[in-house]
Amino acid sequence: MAAEREQIQKRLALLEEEIAETLRRVPAHSAKPPVMIDLLELEDERDLLQKKLASFK
């Protein structure tokens, strides 16, 4: 269980980096749909992993 928890934490860290990078690609006005889809998918995965991580506690 500790190994799975560590793996989730590592993936969360990577997701945070990917989200930050995606946010840098979003223009101030008229964001492109593919970029927004990428961002939403990353945030959804992050939220899911955070819930899973919280269930370990």
Protein backbone atom coordinates (compact mmCIF):
# COMPACT_ATOMS: atom_id res chain seq x y z
CA MET A 1 0.00 0.00 0.00
CA ALA A 2 2.87 2.37 0.74
CA ALA A 3 4.30 1.79 -2.73
CA GLU A 4 0.96 2.61 -4.35
CA ARG A 5 0.66 5.75 -2.22
CA GLU A 6 4.16 6.85 -3.25
CA GLN A 7 3.35 6.17 -6.90
CA ILE A 8 0.20 8.31 -6.64
CA GLN A 9 2.17 11.13 -5.01
CA LYS A 10 4.73 11.05 -7.82
CA ARG A 11 2.00 11.11 -10.47
CA LEU A 12 0.32 14.02 -8.67
CA ALA A 13 3.57 15.98 -8.76
CA LEU A 14 3.90 15.32 -12.49
CA LEU A 15 0.29 16.33 -13.06
CA GLU A 16 0.83 19.61 -11.23
CA GLU A 17 3.76 20.34 -13.56
CA GLU A 18 1.70 19.41 -16.62
CA ILE A 19 -1.19 21.59 -15.43
CA ALA A 20 1.15 24.53 -14.89
CA GLU A 21 2.63 24.05 -18.36
CA THR A 22 -0.82 23.83 -19.93
CA LEU A 23 -1.90 27.00 -18.12
CA ARG A 24 1.11 28.79 -19.62
CA ARG A 25 -0.15 27.79 -23.07
CA VAL A 26 -3.59 29.27 -22.46
CA PRO A 27 -3.77 32.76 -23.95
CA ALA A 28 -5.34 35.54 -21.92
CA HIS A 29 -8.22 35.70 -24.40
CA SER A 30 -9.93 33.08 -26.53
CA ALA A 31 -8.33 29.87 -25.31
CA LYS A 32 -8.17 27.10 -27.88
CA PRO A 33 -10.54 24.17 -27.24
CA PRO A 34 -7.83 21.46 -27.48
CA VAL A 35 -5.75 23.22 -24.82
CA MET A 36 -8.75 23.57 -22.55
CA ILE A 37 -9.63 19.89 -23.06
CA ASP A 38 -6.06 18.95 -22.09
CA LEU A 39 -6.30 21.11 -18.99
CA LEU A 40 -9.65 19.66 -17.93
CA GLU A 41 -8.42 16.09 -18.41
CA LEU A 42 -5.31 16.76 -16.34
CA GLU A 43 -7.34 18.40 -13.58
CA ASP A 44 -9.83 15.52 -13.58
CA GLU A 45 -7.03 12.98 -13.21
CA ARG A 46 -5.44 15.07 -10.44
CA ASP A 47 -8.75 15.27 -8.56
CA LEU A 48 -9.29 11.53 -8.88
CA LEU A 49 -5.80 10.75 -7.57
CA GLN A 50 -6.20 13.20 -4.69
CA LYS A 51 -9.40 11.41 -3.63
CA LYS A 52 -7.69 8.05 -3.88
CA LEU A 53 -4.76 9.32 -1.83
CA ALA A 54 -7.13 10.71 0.81
CA SER A 55 -8.79 7.30 1.09
CA PHE A 56 -5.49 5.82 2.31
CA LYS A 57 -5.55 8.01 5.41
